[in-house]
Amino acid sequence: MTHPNTPDMLQRPDGQSIAYHHTPGDAPGVLFCSGFMSDMDGTKATALEQAMKDLGRSYTRFDYLGHGQSTGLFTDGTISRWTDDALAVLDECTAGPQVVVGSSMGGWIGLRMALLRPDRIAGFVGIAAAPDFTARMKKDLPPEGHADLERQGYWEEPSEYSDEPYIITKKLLDDGQRNFVMTGPIDITCPVHLLQGMKDDSVPWETALDIQKALVTDNVVVSLIKNGDHRLSETEDLNRLVLATERICSQIEYS
């Protein structure tokens, strides 16, 4: 018998396996995309899962290549590859319209998914969404970071969120620009809700306003949380996330 916390595994063409949990339920379903070096067992992903289960709604969370319980090396990951992982989960593990909830990097990947699968992505919720963050990452690299990238192909940046450093690879930075979405209008027409802390020291809070301006859809709500940090994992933040997600879902059901 499979332990309830043991994930299912989705095989990728290159032999890697993506770990995921899927709870069947009503449509539209909710698909959670976590952040850079985060995994599907984080506070937001699991709190939202419980809330959607209580509402009888389909819910899916997963780990990208090299994250959490998926196989592969983190240093082999790029925005293109992690977007492909997310699309594979969408295509093979879910059915019907989905609302993508993307945290930080997951917000960038969620926007890419909405552009690439407009027939399946019926709504988007961003939590400190960080589209095109590799551009800022590259700009903010110290001289020793640039030197390490050239010398060994990666730099280990200390992280304030983990004892593990952020591993920033040259491959990640070079690939990032192929996935930029903030270079012009973002051709997404589904409803969007952006949650953004104003004390976020990883993603400038103005980013949410920039995304809102770039989106083609007029159906955008931006919630700025005055004392919110990057994580937005406090109880009141989680409540806001659940309400924002269900608000988007209800628009899809009755529109």
Protein backbone atom coordinates (compact mmCIF):
# COMPACT_ATOMS: atom_id res chain seq x y z
CA MET A 1 0.00 0.00 0.00
CA THR A 2 1.29 3.46 -0.92
CA HIS A 3 1.85 5.87 1.95
CA PRO A 4 -0.48 8.88 1.53
CA ASN A 5 2.50 11.24 1.43
CA THR A 6 4.31 9.20 -1.22
CA PRO A 7 4.02 11.12 -4.48
CA ASP A 8 3.09 9.70 -7.84
CA MET A 9 5.85 9.93 -10.43
CA LEU A 10 5.46 11.26 -13.96
CA GLN A 11 8.09 9.91 -16.35
CA ARG A 12 9.73 12.45 -18.65
CA PRO A 13 11.16 11.51 -22.09
CA ASP A 14 14.77 11.90 -20.84
CA GLY A 15 14.27 9.29 -18.10
CA GLN A 16 13.78 11.79 -15.26
CA SER A 17 10.70 11.58 -13.02
CA ILE A 18 8.53 14.45 -11.77
CA ALA A 19 6.96 13.89 -8.36
CA TYR A 20 3.38 15.09 -7.95
CA HIS A 21 0.25 14.82 -5.80
CA HIS A 22 -3.15 15.04 -7.46
CA THR A 23 -6.47 15.23 -5.63
CA PRO A 24 -9.48 14.65 -7.90
CA GLY A 25 -12.44 17.00 -7.55
CA ASP A 26 -14.57 19.62 -9.23
CA ALA A 27 -13.47 21.86 -12.09
CA PRO A 28 -11.85 24.22 -12.51
CA GLY A 29 -8.90 22.52 -10.87
CA VAL A 30 -6.02 24.32 -9.17
CA LEU A 31 -2.39 23.67 -10.13
CA PHE A 32 0.33 24.99 -7.81
CA CYS A 33 3.76 26.02 -9.14
CA SER A 34 6.33 26.58 -6.42
CA GLY A 35 9.33 28.89 -6.37
CA PHE A 36 13.05 28.68 -7.06
CA MET A 37 14.59 25.96 -4.86
CA SER A 38 11.20 25.45 -3.16
CA ASP A 39 9.11 22.30 -3.29
CA MET A 40 5.51 21.10 -3.26
CA ASP A 41 5.59 20.42 0.50
CA GLY A 42 5.86 24.13 1.34
CA THR A 43 3.36 25.94 3.56
CA LYS A 44 1.41 27.66 0.78
CA ALA A 45 1.16 24.57 -1.45
CA THR A 46 -0.10 22.31 1.34
CA ALA A 47 -2.42 24.89 2.96
CA LEU A 48 -4.06 25.58 -0.39
CA GLU A 49 -4.37 21.84 -1.02
CA GLN A 50 -6.29 21.36 2.24
CA ALA A 51 -8.58 24.30 1.47
CA MET A 52 -9.34 23.03 -2.04
CA LYS A 53 -9.95 19.50 -0.70
CA ASP A 54 -12.44 20.97 1.80
CA LEU A 55 -14.19 22.70 -1.11
CA GLY A 56 -14.20 19.51 -3.20
CA ARG A 57 -12.01 21.07 -5.86
CA SER A 58 -9.37 19.26 -7.93
CA TYR A 59 -5.83 20.18 -6.83
CA THR A 60 -2.36 19.30 -8.10
CA ARG A 61 1.09 20.17 -6.79
CA PHE A 62 4.45 18.94 -8.08
CA ASP A 63 8.23 19.30 -7.91
CA TYR A 64 10.28 20.52 -10.86
CA LEU A 65 13.36 18.64 -12.06
CA GLY A 66 16.01 18.72 -9.33
CA HIS A 67 13.56 19.97 -6.70
CA GLY A 68 11.98 18.13 -3.77
CA GLN A 69 11.16 14.50 -4.54
CA SER A 70 11.68 14.70 -8.31
CA THR A 71 14.80 13.19 -9.86
CA GLY A 72 17.62 15.04 -11.57
CA LEU A 73 20.10 17.73 -10.59
CA PHE A 74 18.99 21.22 -9.68
CA THR A 75 21.92 22.58 -11.68
CA ASP A 76 20.48 21.01 -14.86
CA GLY A 77 17.32 23.09 -14.47
CA THR A 78 16.33 26.13 -16.51
CA ILE A 79 13.13 28.16 -16.85
CA SER A 80 12.48 26.35 -20.16
CA ARG A 81 12.91 22.92 -18.55
CA TRP A 82 10.88 23.72 -15.46
CA THR A 83 8.10 25.17 -17.64
CA ASP A 84 8.14 21.94 -19.65
CA ASP A 85 7.80 19.98 -16.40
CA ALA A 86 4.80 22.10 -15.40
CA LEU A 87 3.19 21.66 -18.82
CA ALA A 88 3.73 17.88 -18.64
CA VAL A 89 1.93 17.79 -15.28
CA LEU A 90 -0.87 19.97 -16.71
CA ASP A 91 -1.23 17.80 -19.82
CA GLU A 92 -0.89 14.37 -18.27
CA CYS A 93 -2.09 14.67 -14.66
CA THR A 94 -5.02 17.10 -14.84
CA ALA A 95 -8.23 17.40 -16.84
CA GLY A 96 -10.41 20.36 -17.73
CA PRO A 97 -9.79 24.05 -17.03
CA GLN A 98 -7.13 24.85 -14.45
CA VAL A 99 -6.28 27.89 -12.34
CA VAL A 100 -2.51 28.14 -11.99
CA VAL A 101 -1.25 29.46 -8.67
CA GLY A 102 2.39 30.48 -9.00
CA SER A 103 4.70 31.52 -6.17
CA SER A 104 7.73 33.68 -7.03
CA MET A 105 9.47 31.81 -9.90
CA GLY A 106 6.28 29.74 -10.16
CA GLY A 107 4.52 32.99 -11.09
CA TRP A 108 6.82 33.36 -14.11
CA ILE A 109 6.25 29.73 -15.05
CA GLY A 110 2.49 30.14 -14.55
CA LEU A 111 2.40 33.12 -16.91
CA ARG A 112 4.34 31.11 -19.50
CA MET A 113 1.85 28.26 -19.11
CA ALA A 114 -1.10 30.61 -19.63
CA LEU A 115 0.53 31.85 -22.84
CA LEU A 116 1.35 28.34 -24.08
CA ARG A 117 -1.91 26.61 -23.06
CA PRO A 118 -4.64 29.28 -23.27
CA ASP A 119 -7.23 26.53 -23.85
CA ARG A 120 -6.41 24.90 -20.50
CA ILE A 121 -5.38 27.76 -18.19
CA ALA A 122 -8.59 29.52 -17.15
CA GLY A 123 -7.17 31.74 -14.42
CA PHE A 124 -3.93 32.78 -12.73
CA VAL A 125 -3.03 33.70 -9.15
CA GLY A 126 0.44 35.12 -8.53
CA ILE A 127 2.11 35.16 -5.11
CA ALA A 128 5.06 37.57 -5.30
CA ALA A 129 5.22 36.57 -8.97
CA ALA A 130 8.75 37.06 -10.33
CA PRO A 131 8.69 37.04 -14.14
CA ASP A 132 12.05 37.59 -15.85
CA PHE A 133 13.86 37.48 -12.48
CA THR A 134 17.02 36.09 -14.10
CA ALA A 135 17.63 39.53 -15.63
CA ARG A 136 17.74 41.12 -12.16
CA MET A 137 19.75 38.16 -10.84
CA LYS A 138 22.36 38.69 -13.56
CA LYS A 139 22.46 42.46 -12.99
CA ASP A 140 22.91 42.02 -9.22
CA LEU A 141 25.74 39.48 -9.44
CA PRO A 142 28.86 40.66 -7.56
CA PRO A 143 32.23 40.49 -9.33
CA GLU A 144 33.02 37.14 -7.66
CA GLY A 145 29.70 35.79 -8.96
CA HIS A 146 30.57 36.71 -12.54
CA ALA A 147 34.04 35.19 -12.05
CA ASP A 148 32.59 31.90 -10.74
CA LEU A 149 30.07 31.73 -13.60
CA GLU A 150 32.88 32.00 -16.14
CA ARG A 151 35.24 29.70 -14.24
CA GLN A 152 32.90 26.88 -13.18
CA GLY A 153 29.51 27.63 -14.75
CA TYR A 154 27.73 28.45 -11.47
CA TRP A 155 27.79 30.67 -8.41
CA GLU A 156 26.67 29.76 -4.89
CA GLU A 157 24.73 32.74 -3.55
CA PRO A 158 23.96 32.70 0.20
CA SER A 159 20.21 32.45 0.84
CA GLU A 160 18.32 34.16 3.64
CA TYR A 161 15.56 31.55 3.36
CA SER A 162 17.67 28.40 3.67
CA ASP A 163 20.98 27.04 4.97
CA GLU A 164 21.57 25.89 1.41
CA PRO A 165 22.96 28.54 -0.94
CA TYR A 166 21.12 29.47 -4.12
CA ILE A 167 22.94 27.78 -6.99
CA ILE A 168 22.86 30.20 -9.91
CA THR A 169 24.06 28.60 -13.12
CA LYS A 170 25.20 30.23 -16.33
CA LYS A 171 22.76 27.91 -18.10
CA LEU A 172 19.85 29.31 -16.04
CA LEU A 173 20.77 32.93 -16.80
CA ASP A 174 21.39 32.29 -20.51
CA ASP A 175 18.10 30.40 -20.88
CA GLY A 176 16.07 32.93 -18.88
CA GLN A 177 15.88 35.52 -21.64
CA ARG A 178 14.23 32.97 -23.97
CA ASN A 179 11.28 32.99 -21.56
CA PHE A 180 10.96 36.72 -20.80
CA VAL A 181 7.33 37.89 -20.68
CA MET A 182 7.78 41.51 -19.57
CA THR A 183 9.17 42.75 -22.88
CA GLY A 184 5.75 43.84 -24.21
CA PRO A 185 2.05 43.10 -23.73
CA ILE A 186 1.35 39.74 -22.05
CA ASP A 187 -1.33 38.15 -24.22
CA ILE A 188 -3.32 36.53 -21.42
CA THR A 189 -7.08 37.07 -21.33
CA CYS A 190 -8.10 34.97 -18.31
CA PRO A 191 -8.86 36.47 -14.86
CA VAL A 192 -5.77 37.22 -12.75
CA HIS A 193 -5.18 38.02 -9.07
CA LEU A 194 -1.73 39.14 -7.91
CA LEU A 195 -0.80 39.01 -4.22
CA GLN A 196 2.31 41.02 -3.35
CA GLY A 197 3.98 41.96 -0.07
CA MET A 198 5.32 45.51 0.16
CA LYS A 199 8.17 44.41 2.45
CA ASP A 200 9.33 41.79 -0.06
CA ASP A 201 13.12 42.06 -0.33
CA SER A 202 13.35 39.53 -3.19
CA VAL A 203 10.72 40.87 -5.60
CA PRO A 204 10.13 44.66 -5.66
CA TRP A 205 6.45 45.24 -4.86
CA GLU A 206 6.11 47.42 -7.96
CA THR A 207 6.57 44.23 -10.01
CA ALA A 208 2.91 43.35 -9.41
CA LEU A 209 1.84 46.69 -10.88
CA ASP A 210 4.15 46.18 -13.86
CA ILE A 211 2.59 42.76 -14.53
CA GLN A 212 -0.90 44.24 -14.22
CA LYS A 213 -0.06 46.92 -16.79
CA ALA A 214 1.45 44.41 -19.22
CA LEU A 215 -1.47 41.94 -19.09
CA VAL A 216 -3.94 42.16 -21.98
CA THR A 217 -6.87 41.15 -19.75
CA ASP A 218 -8.73 43.89 -17.87
CA ASN A 219 -9.81 41.34 -15.25
CA VAL A 220 -6.85 41.87 -12.90
CA VAL A 221 -6.91 42.41 -9.14
CA VAL A 222 -3.70 43.43 -7.35
CA SER A 223 -3.58 42.97 -3.57
CA LEU A 224 -0.68 44.85 -1.98
CA ILE A 225 0.00 43.64 1.57
CA LYS A 226 1.64 46.51 3.45
CA ASN A 227 3.53 44.37 5.99
CA GLY A 228 3.88 41.29 3.72
CA ASP A 229 7.27 39.73 3.03
CA HIS A 230 8.34 37.50 0.14
CA ARG A 231 7.02 34.28 1.62
CA LEU A 232 3.45 35.46 2.37
CA SER A 233 3.03 32.38 4.58
CA GLU A 234 1.44 33.92 7.69
CA THR A 235 -2.08 32.77 8.56
CA GLU A 236 -3.70 35.92 7.19
CA ASP A 237 -1.63 35.60 4.00
CA LEU A 238 -2.77 32.00 3.52
CA ASN A 239 -6.37 33.08 4.04
CA ARG A 240 -5.93 35.76 1.36
CA LEU A 241 -4.47 33.13 -0.98
CA VAL A 242 -7.40 30.76 -0.49
CA LEU A 243 -9.95 33.55 -0.99
CA ALA A 244 -8.17 34.89 -4.11
CA THR A 245 -7.93 31.39 -5.62
CA GLU A 246 -11.56 30.51 -4.96
CA ARG A 247 -12.68 33.92 -6.24
CA ILE A 248 -10.95 33.22 -9.57
CA CYS A 249 -12.37 29.67 -9.67
CA SER A 250 -15.91 30.91 -9.06
CA GLN A 251 -15.66 33.41 -11.92
CA ILE A 252 -14.75 30.55 -14.26
CA GLU A 253 -17.59 28.34 -13.06
CA TYR A 254 -20.26 30.97 -13.54
CA SER A 255 -18.90 32.95 -16.49
